[in-house]
Amino acid sequence: KGLGLQENVAFLGFQSNPIKMLADMYKRGKGVERDISKAIQWQTRVVTMLEPTVQNADKNTKLDFIVELINLAALFKELLQYDKAIQVYHQFKEFCEQWVQTQQDEPLAKSMLALAFNEIGNIHRTTYNFDKALENFKWALHYAEQLVVQEQTEQNYKDLVMCYGNLSRCYEDSKDYEMALQYSEARLAILN
């Protein structure tokens, strides 16, 4: 019953915090019955409110926007609505591609772009679309390798290891054991 005013304030769009709060409440079932469809409704509003302001924003605002996109995609995945999740991840990818082109915070933007390709690849792998999964994982690897060349940080190597692991598992799932072994060995070479 206490939700009425909060929903009204959020509906009017006075600020995004109540909207984020409602999305989270419905996602987790905090104070309301758990309802992923309503969580998606509110999470979509969060993304819609942030989107017009984010292109010229600072990196923290851009990262907040990316987190909200990831949260929305995760809700679609929970309902097994993979096509909608992929649409959101494509929005995430396109945003990061534009960010990379501005050359502002380029390493961070490339890292986020690699993450977007990995997420798209993971959905395709989940749905047994191995060709598309491999295509996306290879793009993720492309950006992860660029980052390691630019700056040899622990995080960049972790991202590279994740890409090798995703490729290895996808090749294994598609029964191409030779390629799976190749990427597993590349992954182990970094870990050792």
N, C-alpha and C. Protein backbone atom coordinates (compact mmCIF):
# COMPACT_ATOMS: atom_id res chain seq x y z
N LYS A 1 0.82 -1.20 0.00
CA LYS A 1 0.00 0.00 0.00
C LYS A 1 0.86 1.25 0.00
N GLY A 2 2.02 1.19 0.64
CA GLY A 2 2.92 2.34 0.67
C GLY A 2 3.56 2.58 -0.68
N LEU A 3 3.34 1.73 -1.62
CA LEU A 3 3.98 1.83 -2.93
C LEU A 3 3.29 2.84 -3.83
N GLY A 4 2.07 3.19 -3.57
CA GLY A 4 1.32 4.07 -4.45
C GLY A 4 1.99 5.40 -4.72
N LEU A 5 2.41 6.11 -3.69
CA LEU A 5 3.05 7.41 -3.86
C LEU A 5 4.38 7.25 -4.59
N GLN A 6 5.15 6.24 -4.20
CA GLN A 6 6.44 6.00 -4.86
C GLN A 6 6.24 5.73 -6.35
N GLU A 7 5.26 4.91 -6.69
CA GLU A 7 4.98 4.63 -8.10
C GLU A 7 4.55 5.89 -8.83
N ASN A 8 3.74 6.73 -8.18
CA ASN A 8 3.29 7.96 -8.83
C ASN A 8 4.45 8.91 -9.09
N VAL A 9 5.33 9.08 -8.11
CA VAL A 9 6.50 9.94 -8.29
C VAL A 9 7.37 9.39 -9.41
N ALA A 10 7.59 8.09 -9.40
CA ALA A 10 8.41 7.47 -10.43
C ALA A 10 7.76 7.61 -11.80
N PHE A 11 6.45 7.42 -11.84
CA PHE A 11 5.74 7.50 -13.12
C PHE A 11 5.87 8.89 -13.73
N LEU A 12 5.82 9.91 -12.90
CA LEU A 12 5.94 11.27 -13.41
C LEU A 12 7.36 11.60 -13.86
N GLY A 13 8.31 10.77 -13.46
CA GLY A 13 9.67 10.94 -13.93
C GLY A 13 10.42 12.08 -13.28
N PHE A 14 10.09 12.42 -12.02
CA PHE A 14 10.79 13.50 -11.35
C PHE A 14 12.26 13.19 -11.13
N GLN A 15 12.58 11.95 -10.92
CA GLN A 15 13.98 11.55 -10.77
C GLN A 15 14.07 10.05 -11.02
N SER A 16 15.28 9.61 -11.34
CA SER A 16 15.41 8.20 -11.68
C SER A 16 15.53 7.30 -10.45
N ASN A 17 15.93 7.83 -9.29
CA ASN A 17 16.11 6.97 -8.12
C ASN A 17 14.87 6.18 -7.73
N PRO A 18 13.69 6.82 -7.66
CA PRO A 18 12.51 6.02 -7.33
C PRO A 18 12.22 4.95 -8.39
N ILE A 19 12.54 5.25 -9.63
CA ILE A 19 12.31 4.28 -10.70
C ILE A 19 13.27 3.10 -10.53
N LYS A 20 14.53 3.39 -10.27
CA LYS A 20 15.50 2.32 -10.02
C LYS A 20 15.06 1.49 -8.83
N MET A 21 14.57 2.19 -7.82
CA MET A 21 14.13 1.50 -6.60
C MET A 21 12.97 0.55 -6.90
N LEU A 22 12.02 1.02 -7.71
CA LEU A 22 10.89 0.17 -8.06
C LEU A 22 11.32 -1.03 -8.89
N ALA A 23 12.22 -0.81 -9.84
CA ALA A 23 12.71 -1.93 -10.64
C ALA A 23 13.35 -2.97 -9.74
N ASP A 24 14.15 -2.51 -8.80
CA ASP A 24 14.83 -3.43 -7.88
C ASP A 24 13.84 -4.13 -6.95
N MET A 25 12.85 -3.39 -6.46
CA MET A 25 11.85 -3.99 -5.56
C MET A 25 11.10 -5.12 -6.26
N TYR A 26 10.67 -4.88 -7.50
CA TYR A 26 9.95 -5.93 -8.23
C TYR A 26 10.88 -7.08 -8.61
N LYS A 27 12.12 -6.78 -8.90
CA LYS A 27 13.07 -7.84 -9.25
C LYS A 27 13.32 -8.76 -8.06
N ARG A 28 13.49 -8.17 -6.90
CA ARG A 28 13.84 -8.96 -5.71
C ARG A 28 12.64 -9.36 -4.86
N GLY A 29 11.47 -8.77 -5.12
CA GLY A 29 10.31 -9.06 -4.27
C GLY A 29 10.43 -8.41 -2.91
N LYS A 30 11.01 -7.22 -2.87
CA LYS A 30 11.17 -6.48 -1.60
C LYS A 30 9.96 -5.58 -1.38
N GLY A 31 9.10 -5.96 -0.44
CA GLY A 31 7.93 -5.15 -0.12
C GLY A 31 6.78 -5.31 -1.10
N VAL A 32 7.03 -6.01 -2.20
CA VAL A 32 5.99 -6.27 -3.20
C VAL A 32 6.18 -7.71 -3.67
N GLU A 33 5.16 -8.23 -4.32
CA GLU A 33 5.31 -9.56 -4.89
C GLU A 33 6.33 -9.49 -6.03
N ARG A 34 7.22 -10.44 -6.08
CA ARG A 34 8.24 -10.47 -7.13
C ARG A 34 7.56 -10.56 -8.49
N ASP A 35 7.94 -9.65 -9.39
CA ASP A 35 7.30 -9.58 -10.70
C ASP A 35 8.33 -9.05 -11.71
N ILE A 36 8.96 -9.95 -12.44
CA ILE A 36 10.02 -9.57 -13.38
C ILE A 36 9.47 -8.71 -14.51
N SER A 37 8.24 -8.93 -14.93
CA SER A 37 7.65 -8.10 -15.99
C SER A 37 7.54 -6.64 -15.54
N LYS A 38 7.12 -6.42 -14.29
CA LYS A 38 7.06 -5.05 -13.78
C LYS A 38 8.47 -4.49 -13.58
N ALA A 39 9.40 -5.34 -13.17
CA ALA A 39 10.79 -4.88 -13.03
C ALA A 39 11.31 -4.41 -14.39
N ILE A 40 10.99 -5.15 -15.44
CA ILE A 40 11.40 -4.76 -16.81
C ILE A 40 10.78 -3.42 -17.18
N GLN A 41 9.51 -3.26 -16.86
CA GLN A 41 8.81 -2.00 -17.16
C GLN A 41 9.56 -0.82 -16.53
N TRP A 42 9.89 -0.94 -15.25
CA TRP A 42 10.56 0.16 -14.55
C TRP A 42 12.02 0.30 -14.99
N GLN A 43 12.70 -0.81 -15.23
CA GLN A 43 14.08 -0.75 -15.66
C GLN A 43 14.19 -0.11 -17.05
N THR A 44 13.22 -0.38 -17.90
CA THR A 44 13.18 0.25 -19.23
C THR A 44 13.05 1.76 -19.09
N ARG A 45 12.27 2.21 -18.13
CA ARG A 45 12.13 3.66 -17.89
C ARG A 45 13.45 4.27 -17.43
N VAL A 46 14.19 3.55 -16.60
CA VAL A 46 15.50 4.05 -16.15
C VAL A 46 16.39 4.27 -17.37
N VAL A 47 16.47 3.27 -18.22
CA VAL A 47 17.32 3.36 -19.41
C VAL A 47 16.84 4.50 -20.31
N THR A 48 15.54 4.59 -20.52
CA THR A 48 14.97 5.62 -21.39
C THR A 48 15.26 7.02 -20.86
N MET A 49 15.22 7.18 -19.55
CA MET A 49 15.51 8.50 -18.96
C MET A 49 16.98 8.86 -19.09
N LEU A 50 17.86 7.91 -18.94
CA LEU A 50 19.30 8.19 -18.98
C LEU A 50 19.82 8.39 -20.40
N GLU A 51 19.25 7.69 -21.34
CA GLU A 51 19.80 7.63 -22.70
C GLU A 51 20.03 8.99 -23.36
N PRO A 52 19.09 9.93 -23.29
CA PRO A 52 19.31 11.19 -24.01
C PRO A 52 20.48 12.02 -23.47
N THR A 53 20.87 11.79 -22.23
CA THR A 53 21.88 12.64 -21.61
C THR A 53 23.27 12.01 -21.57
N VAL A 54 23.41 10.78 -21.99
CA VAL A 54 24.61 10.04 -21.68
C VAL A 54 25.75 10.22 -22.69
N GLN A 55 25.47 10.56 -23.93
CA GLN A 55 26.52 10.63 -24.94
C GLN A 55 27.64 11.61 -24.56
N ASN A 56 27.30 12.75 -24.06
CA ASN A 56 28.30 13.77 -23.73
C ASN A 56 28.60 13.83 -22.23
N ALA A 57 28.22 12.81 -21.52
CA ALA A 57 28.38 12.78 -20.07
C ALA A 57 29.78 12.33 -19.68
N ASP A 58 30.08 12.43 -18.40
CA ASP A 58 31.37 11.95 -17.89
C ASP A 58 31.37 10.43 -17.84
N LYS A 59 32.55 9.86 -17.60
CA LYS A 59 32.67 8.40 -17.68
C LYS A 59 31.83 7.69 -16.62
N ASN A 60 31.66 8.28 -15.43
CA ASN A 60 30.85 7.63 -14.41
C ASN A 60 29.38 7.53 -14.82
N THR A 61 28.87 8.57 -15.46
CA THR A 61 27.50 8.54 -15.95
C THR A 61 27.36 7.51 -17.06
N LYS A 62 28.38 7.42 -17.91
CA LYS A 62 28.35 6.42 -18.98
C LYS A 62 28.36 5.01 -18.39
N LEU A 63 29.18 4.82 -17.37
CA LEU A 63 29.21 3.50 -16.71
C LEU A 63 27.88 3.19 -16.03
N ASP A 64 27.25 4.18 -15.42
CA ASP A 64 25.93 3.98 -14.81
C ASP A 64 24.92 3.53 -15.87
N PHE A 65 24.97 4.17 -17.03
CA PHE A 65 24.07 3.81 -18.12
C PHE A 65 24.31 2.36 -18.56
N ILE A 66 25.57 1.99 -18.67
CA ILE A 66 25.91 0.62 -19.06
C ILE A 66 25.38 -0.37 -18.03
N VAL A 67 25.54 -0.06 -16.76
CA VAL A 67 25.03 -0.94 -15.69
C VAL A 67 23.53 -1.10 -15.82
N GLU A 68 22.83 -0.02 -16.12
CA GLU A 68 21.37 -0.10 -16.25
C GLU A 68 20.97 -0.94 -17.46
N LEU A 69 21.73 -0.83 -18.55
CA LEU A 69 21.46 -1.69 -19.71
C LEU A 69 21.70 -3.16 -19.36
N ILE A 70 22.79 -3.43 -18.67
CA ILE A 70 23.10 -4.80 -18.26
C ILE A 70 21.99 -5.34 -17.35
N ASN A 71 21.52 -4.50 -16.42
CA ASN A 71 20.42 -4.91 -15.54
C ASN A 71 19.16 -5.25 -16.33
N LEU A 72 18.86 -4.43 -17.33
CA LEU A 72 17.68 -4.69 -18.16
C LEU A 72 17.83 -6.00 -18.94
N ALA A 73 18.99 -6.20 -19.54
CA ALA A 73 19.23 -7.44 -20.29
C ALA A 73 19.12 -8.65 -19.37
N ALA A 74 19.63 -8.53 -18.15
CA ALA A 74 19.57 -9.65 -17.20
C ALA A 74 18.12 -10.01 -16.86
N LEU A 75 17.26 -9.02 -16.78
CA LEU A 75 15.84 -9.29 -16.51
C LEU A 75 15.22 -10.05 -17.67
N PHE A 76 15.52 -9.64 -18.89
CA PHE A 76 15.01 -10.37 -20.05
C PHE A 76 15.54 -11.80 -20.07
N LYS A 77 16.82 -11.97 -19.73
CA LYS A 77 17.39 -13.32 -19.70
C LYS A 77 16.69 -14.18 -18.65
N GLU A 78 16.34 -13.57 -17.53
CA GLU A 78 15.66 -14.34 -16.48
C GLU A 78 14.33 -14.89 -16.97
N LEU A 79 13.68 -14.15 -17.84
CA LEU A 79 12.41 -14.63 -18.42
C LEU A 79 12.63 -15.44 -19.69
N LEU A 80 13.89 -15.73 -19.99
CA LEU A 80 14.29 -16.49 -21.18
C LEU A 80 13.88 -15.78 -22.47
N GLN A 81 13.80 -14.46 -22.41
CA GLN A 81 13.49 -13.65 -23.59
C GLN A 81 14.82 -13.20 -24.20
N TYR A 82 15.50 -14.17 -24.80
CA TYR A 82 16.86 -13.93 -25.28
C TYR A 82 16.92 -12.93 -26.42
N ASP A 83 15.93 -12.90 -27.28
CA ASP A 83 15.93 -11.92 -28.38
C ASP A 83 15.92 -10.49 -27.84
N LYS A 84 15.11 -10.26 -26.82
CA LYS A 84 15.05 -8.92 -26.22
C LYS A 84 16.34 -8.60 -25.48
N ALA A 85 16.92 -9.58 -24.81
CA ALA A 85 18.20 -9.36 -24.13
C ALA A 85 19.28 -9.00 -25.14
N ILE A 86 19.30 -9.70 -26.27
CA ILE A 86 20.28 -9.39 -27.31
C ILE A 86 20.08 -7.97 -27.84
N GLN A 87 18.84 -7.54 -27.99
CA GLN A 87 18.58 -6.17 -28.44
C GLN A 87 19.20 -5.16 -27.46
N VAL A 88 19.04 -5.42 -26.19
CA VAL A 88 19.60 -4.51 -25.19
C VAL A 88 21.13 -4.55 -25.23
N TYR A 89 21.69 -5.75 -25.36
CA TYR A 89 23.15 -5.85 -25.46
C TYR A 89 23.67 -5.19 -26.73
N HIS A 90 22.91 -5.23 -27.80
CA HIS A 90 23.31 -4.51 -29.01
C HIS A 90 23.29 -3.00 -28.78
N GLN A 91 22.32 -2.53 -28.02
CA GLN A 91 22.28 -1.11 -27.65
C GLN A 91 23.53 -0.77 -26.83
N PHE A 92 23.90 -1.63 -25.91
CA PHE A 92 25.10 -1.49 -25.10
C PHE A 92 26.33 -1.45 -26.01
N LYS A 93 26.42 -2.37 -26.95
CA LYS A 93 27.56 -2.45 -27.87
C LYS A 93 27.66 -1.19 -28.72
N GLU A 94 26.54 -0.75 -29.28
CA GLU A 94 26.55 0.44 -30.13
C GLU A 94 26.94 1.69 -29.34
N PHE A 95 26.47 1.78 -28.11
CA PHE A 95 26.86 2.90 -27.25
C PHE A 95 28.37 2.88 -27.04
N CYS A 96 28.93 1.72 -26.76
CA CYS A 96 30.37 1.61 -26.53
C CYS A 96 31.17 1.89 -27.80
N GLU A 97 30.67 1.48 -28.95
CA GLU A 97 31.36 1.77 -30.21
C GLU A 97 31.44 3.28 -30.43
N GLN A 98 30.36 3.99 -30.13
CA GLN A 98 30.38 5.44 -30.25
C GLN A 98 31.36 6.06 -29.24
N TRP A 99 31.39 5.49 -28.06
CA TRP A 99 32.29 5.99 -27.02
C TRP A 99 33.75 5.79 -27.45
N VAL A 100 34.07 4.64 -28.01
CA VAL A 100 35.44 4.38 -28.49
C VAL A 100 35.81 5.40 -29.56
N GLN A 101 34.88 5.72 -30.44
CA GLN A 101 35.16 6.68 -31.52
C GLN A 101 35.49 8.07 -31.01
N THR A 102 34.96 8.43 -29.84
CA THR A 102 35.27 9.76 -29.29
C THR A 102 36.69 9.82 -28.74
N GLN A 103 37.29 8.68 -28.51
CA GLN A 103 38.64 8.54 -27.95
C GLN A 103 38.74 9.12 -26.54
N GLN A 104 37.61 9.33 -25.88
CA GLN A 104 37.60 9.72 -24.48
C GLN A 104 37.55 8.45 -23.64
N ASP A 105 38.42 8.35 -22.67
CA ASP A 105 38.47 7.16 -21.80
C ASP A 105 38.54 5.90 -22.65
N GLU A 106 39.37 5.94 -23.71
CA GLU A 106 39.39 4.87 -24.70
C GLU A 106 39.62 3.47 -24.11
N PRO A 107 40.58 3.28 -23.20
CA PRO A 107 40.74 1.91 -22.66
C PRO A 107 39.48 1.41 -21.96
N LEU A 108 38.85 2.26 -21.18
CA LEU A 108 37.63 1.86 -20.49
C LEU A 108 36.52 1.56 -21.50
N ALA A 109 36.39 2.40 -22.50
CA ALA A 109 35.35 2.19 -23.52
C ALA A 109 35.59 0.88 -24.26
N LYS A 110 36.85 0.58 -24.59
CA LYS A 110 37.16 -0.69 -25.27
C LYS A 110 36.88 -1.88 -24.37
N SER A 111 37.17 -1.74 -23.08
CA SER A 111 36.89 -2.81 -22.14
C SER A 111 35.39 -3.09 -22.07
N MET A 112 34.59 -2.03 -22.05
CA MET A 112 33.14 -2.18 -22.02
C MET A 112 32.63 -2.77 -23.34
N LEU A 113 33.27 -2.40 -24.44
CA LEU A 113 32.88 -2.94 -25.74
C LEU A 113 33.17 -4.44 -25.79
N ALA A 114 34.31 -4.85 -25.26
CA ALA A 114 34.62 -6.28 -25.19
C ALA A 114 33.59 -7.01 -24.34
N LEU A 115 33.19 -6.39 -23.23
CA LEU A 115 32.17 -6.99 -22.38
C LEU A 115 30.85 -7.15 -23.13
N ALA A 116 30.47 -6.14 -23.91
CA ALA A 116 29.22 -6.22 -24.68
C ALA A 116 29.27 -7.39 -25.66
N PHE A 117 30.39 -7.52 -26.38
CA PHE A 117 30.50 -8.64 -27.32
C PHE A 117 30.46 -9.99 -26.58
N ASN A 118 31.10 -10.06 -25.41
CA ASN A 118 31.06 -11.30 -24.63
C ASN A 118 29.63 -11.64 -24.20
N GLU A 119 28.88 -10.64 -23.78
CA GLU A 119 27.50 -10.89 -23.33
C GLU A 119 26.62 -11.36 -24.49
N ILE A 120 26.79 -10.74 -25.65
CA ILE A 120 26.03 -11.18 -26.83
C ILE A 120 26.43 -12.61 -27.18
N GLY A 121 27.72 -12.88 -27.16
CA GLY A 121 28.21 -14.23 -27.44
C GLY A 121 27.65 -15.26 -26.47
N ASN A 122 27.58 -14.90 -25.19
CA ASN A 122 27.06 -15.83 -24.19
C ASN A 122 25.60 -16.20 -24.45
N ILE A 123 24.81 -15.23 -24.88
CA ILE A 123 23.40 -15.55 -25.19
C ILE A 123 23.33 -16.47 -26.39
N HIS A 124 24.11 -16.16 -27.43
CA HIS A 124 24.10 -17.04 -28.61
C HIS A 124 24.58 -18.44 -28.24
N ARG A 125 25.55 -18.53 -27.36
CA ARG A 125 26.03 -19.85 -26.93
C ARG A 125 24.92 -20.59 -26.16
N THR A 126 24.22 -19.87 -25.31
CA THR A 126 23.13 -20.46 -24.53
C THR A 126 22.03 -21.01 -25.44
N THR A 127 21.82 -20.33 -26.56
CA THR A 127 20.76 -20.75 -27.50
C THR A 127 21.32 -21.63 -28.63
N TYR A 128 22.53 -22.13 -28.44
CA TYR A 128 23.17 -23.07 -29.38
C TYR A 128 23.42 -22.47 -30.76
N ASN A 129 23.53 -21.17 -30.84
CA ASN A 129 23.87 -20.51 -32.09
C ASN A 129 25.39 -20.25 -32.05
N PHE A 130 26.14 -21.32 -32.22
CA PHE A 130 27.59 -21.26 -31.99
C PHE A 130 28.32 -20.37 -32.97
N ASP A 131 27.87 -20.29 -34.22
CA ASP A 131 28.55 -19.42 -35.19
C ASP A 131 28.49 -17.96 -34.76
N LYS A 132 27.32 -17.51 -34.35
CA LYS A 132 27.18 -16.13 -33.89
C LYS A 132 27.91 -15.91 -32.56
N ALA A 133 27.87 -16.91 -31.71
CA ALA A 133 28.59 -16.81 -30.45
C ALA A 133 30.08 -16.63 -30.71
N LEU A 134 30.63 -17.47 -31.57
CA LEU A 134 32.06 -17.38 -31.88
C LEU A 134 32.42 -16.04 -32.52
N GLU A 135 31.56 -15.56 -33.39
CA GLU A 135 31.80 -14.26 -34.03
C GLU A 135 31.92 -13.16 -32.97
N ASN A 136 31.00 -13.16 -32.01
CA ASN A 136 31.02 -12.14 -30.97
C ASN A 136 32.19 -12.34 -30.00
N PHE A 137 32.48 -13.57 -29.65
CA PHE A 137 33.63 -13.83 -28.77
C PHE A 137 34.94 -13.39 -29.43
N LYS A 138 35.04 -13.57 -30.75
CA LYS A 138 36.26 -13.15 -31.45
C LYS A 138 36.39 -11.63 -31.47
N TRP A 139 35.26 -10.93 -31.59
CA TRP A 139 35.32 -9.47 -31.50
C TRP A 139 35.72 -9.05 -30.08
N ALA A 140 35.21 -9.72 -29.09
CA ALA A 140 35.60 -9.41 -27.71
C ALA A 140 37.10 -9.63 -27.54
N LEU A 141 37.59 -10.72 -28.08
CA LEU A 141 39.02 -11.01 -28.01
C LEU A 141 39.83 -9.93 -28.72
N HIS A 142 39.36 -9.47 -29.86
CA HIS A 142 40.04 -8.41 -30.61
C HIS A 142 40.27 -7.19 -29.73
N TYR A 143 39.23 -6.74 -29.03
CA TYR A 143 39.36 -5.56 -28.17
C TYR A 143 40.19 -5.86 -26.92
N ALA A 144 40.04 -7.05 -26.38
CA ALA A 144 40.83 -7.42 -25.19
C ALA A 144 42.32 -7.46 -25.54
N GLU A 145 42.65 -7.98 -26.70
CA GLU A 145 44.07 -8.01 -27.12
C GLU A 145 44.60 -6.59 -27.33
N GLN A 146 43.80 -5.73 -27.91
CA GLN A 146 44.22 -4.33 -28.08
C GLN A 146 44.52 -3.69 -26.74
N LEU A 147 43.70 -3.98 -25.75
CA LEU A 147 43.90 -3.39 -24.43
C LEU A 147 45.19 -3.88 -23.79
N VAL A 148 45.50 -5.15 -23.95
CA VAL A 148 46.74 -5.69 -23.38
C VAL A 148 47.95 -5.05 -24.05
N VAL A 149 47.86 -4.83 -25.35
CA VAL A 149 48.96 -4.17 -26.06
C VAL A 149 49.12 -2.73 -25.57
N GLN A 150 48.00 -2.03 -25.36
CA GLN A 150 48.03 -0.64 -24.90
C GLN A 150 48.57 -0.53 -23.48
N GLU A 151 48.09 -1.42 -22.62
CA GLU A 151 48.41 -1.31 -21.20
C GLU A 151 48.32 -2.70 -20.56
N GLN A 152 49.41 -3.15 -20.03
CA GLN A 152 49.46 -4.50 -19.47
C GLN A 152 49.07 -4.47 -17.99
N THR A 153 47.77 -4.29 -17.75
CA THR A 153 47.27 -4.28 -16.39
C THR A 153 46.68 -5.65 -16.05
N GLU A 154 46.54 -5.89 -14.77
CA GLU A 154 45.95 -7.15 -14.31
C GLU A 154 44.53 -7.31 -14.86
N GLN A 155 43.75 -6.23 -14.86
CA GLN A 155 42.37 -6.30 -15.36
C GLN A 155 42.34 -6.62 -16.84
N ASN A 156 43.24 -6.03 -17.61
CA ASN A 156 43.27 -6.32 -19.05
C ASN A 156 43.60 -7.79 -19.30
N TYR A 157 44.50 -8.35 -18.50
CA TYR A 157 44.81 -9.77 -18.65
C TYR A 157 43.63 -10.64 -18.22
N LYS A 158 42.91 -10.22 -17.18
CA LYS A 158 41.71 -10.97 -16.76
C LYS A 158 40.67 -10.98 -17.88
N ASP A 159 40.50 -9.83 -18.53
CA ASP A 159 39.55 -9.75 -19.65
C ASP A 159 39.99 -10.67 -20.79
N LEU A 160 41.29 -10.71 -21.06
CA LEU A 160 41.82 -11.57 -22.11
C LEU A 160 41.59 -13.05 -21.77
N VAL A 161 41.83 -13.40 -20.52
CA VAL A 161 41.60 -14.78 -20.06
C VAL A 161 40.12 -15.15 -20.21
N MET A 162 39.23 -14.22 -19.88
CA MET A 162 37.80 -14.48 -20.02
C MET A 162 37.46 -14.74 -21.49
N CYS A 163 38.02 -13.96 -22.39
CA CYS A 163 37.74 -14.15 -23.82
C CYS A 163 38.23 -15.51 -24.30
N TYR A 164 39.44 -15.88 -23.91
CA TYR A 164 39.95 -17.20 -24.29
C TYR A 164 39.06 -18.30 -23.72
N GLY A 165 38.62 -18.14 -22.48
CA GLY A 165 37.75 -19.14 -21.87
C GLY A 165 36.42 -19.27 -22.59
N ASN A 166 35.81 -18.12 -22.95
CA ASN A 166 34.55 -18.16 -23.68
C ASN A 166 34.70 -18.85 -25.03
N LEU A 167 35.78 -18.53 -25.73
CA LEU A 167 36.03 -19.17 -27.02
C LEU A 167 36.25 -20.67 -26.85
N SER A 168 37.03 -21.04 -25.86
CA SER A 168 37.31 -22.45 -25.61
C SER A 168 36.03 -23.24 -25.33
N ARG A 169 35.19 -22.71 -24.44
CA ARG A 169 33.94 -23.39 -24.09
C ARG A 169 32.99 -23.48 -25.29
N CYS A 170 32.95 -22.43 -26.08
CA CYS A 170 32.05 -22.44 -27.24
C CYS A 170 32.53 -23.45 -28.28
N TYR A 171 33.84 -23.50 -28.51
CA TYR A 171 34.35 -24.50 -29.45
C TYR A 171 34.11 -25.91 -28.91
N GLU A 172 34.25 -26.07 -27.60
CA GLU A 172 33.97 -27.39 -27.01
C GLU A 172 32.50 -27.76 -27.19
N ASP A 173 31.61 -26.80 -26.93
CA ASP A 173 30.17 -27.06 -27.10
C ASP A 173 29.83 -27.43 -28.54
N SER A 174 30.55 -26.83 -29.49
CA SER A 174 30.28 -27.11 -30.91
C SER A 174 31.10 -28.30 -31.42
N LYS A 175 31.76 -28.98 -30.50
CA LYS A 175 32.50 -30.22 -30.77
C LYS A 175 33.76 -30.01 -31.64
N ASP A 176 34.28 -28.79 -31.63
CA ASP A 176 35.55 -28.51 -32.30
C ASP A 176 36.63 -28.53 -31.21
N TYR A 177 37.03 -29.73 -30.85
CA TYR A 177 37.92 -29.91 -29.70
C TYR A 177 39.33 -29.38 -29.94
N GLU A 178 39.76 -29.38 -31.20
CA GLU A 178 41.09 -28.86 -31.50
C GLU A 178 41.17 -27.36 -31.19
N MET A 179 40.16 -26.62 -31.63
CA MET A 179 40.13 -25.17 -31.35
C MET A 179 39.89 -24.92 -29.86
N ALA A 180 39.06 -25.74 -29.23
CA ALA A 180 38.83 -25.60 -27.79
C ALA A 180 40.14 -25.75 -27.04
N LEU A 181 40.93 -26.72 -27.42
CA LEU A 181 42.22 -26.95 -26.79
C LEU A 181 43.16 -25.77 -27.03
N GLN A 182 43.16 -25.25 -28.24
CA GLN A 182 44.04 -24.12 -28.57
C GLN A 182 43.75 -22.92 -27.67
N TYR A 183 42.47 -22.58 -27.50
CA TYR A 183 42.12 -21.42 -26.66
C TYR A 183 42.31 -21.72 -25.17
N SER A 184 42.12 -22.97 -24.77
CA SER A 184 42.40 -23.35 -23.38
C SER A 184 43.88 -23.20 -23.06
N GLU A 185 44.72 -23.61 -24.00
CA GLU A 185 46.16 -23.48 -23.79
C GLU A 185 46.59 -22.01 -23.75
N ALA A 186 45.99 -21.20 -24.60
CA ALA A 186 46.30 -19.75 -24.58
C ALA A 186 45.89 -19.15 -23.24
N ARG A 187 44.75 -19.59 -22.74
CA ARG A 187 44.26 -19.11 -21.43
C ARG A 187 45.22 -19.53 -20.32
N LEU A 188 45.63 -20.80 -20.35
CA LEU A 188 46.55 -21.29 -19.31
C LEU A 188 47.91 -20.62 -19.36
N ALA A 189 48.36 -20.28 -20.57
CA ALA A 189 49.65 -19.59 -20.70
C ALA A 189 49.64 -18.26 -19.96
N ILE A 190 48.51 -17.59 -19.95
CA ILE A 190 48.42 -16.31 -19.24
C ILE A 190 48.29 -16.55 -17.74
N LEU A 191 47.55 -17.56 -17.37
CA LEU A 191 47.32 -17.83 -15.94
C LEU A 191 48.58 -18.33 -15.22
N ASN A 192 49.49 -18.91 -15.96
CA ASN A 192 50.71 -19.45 -15.32
C ASN A 192 51.78 -18.42 -15.22
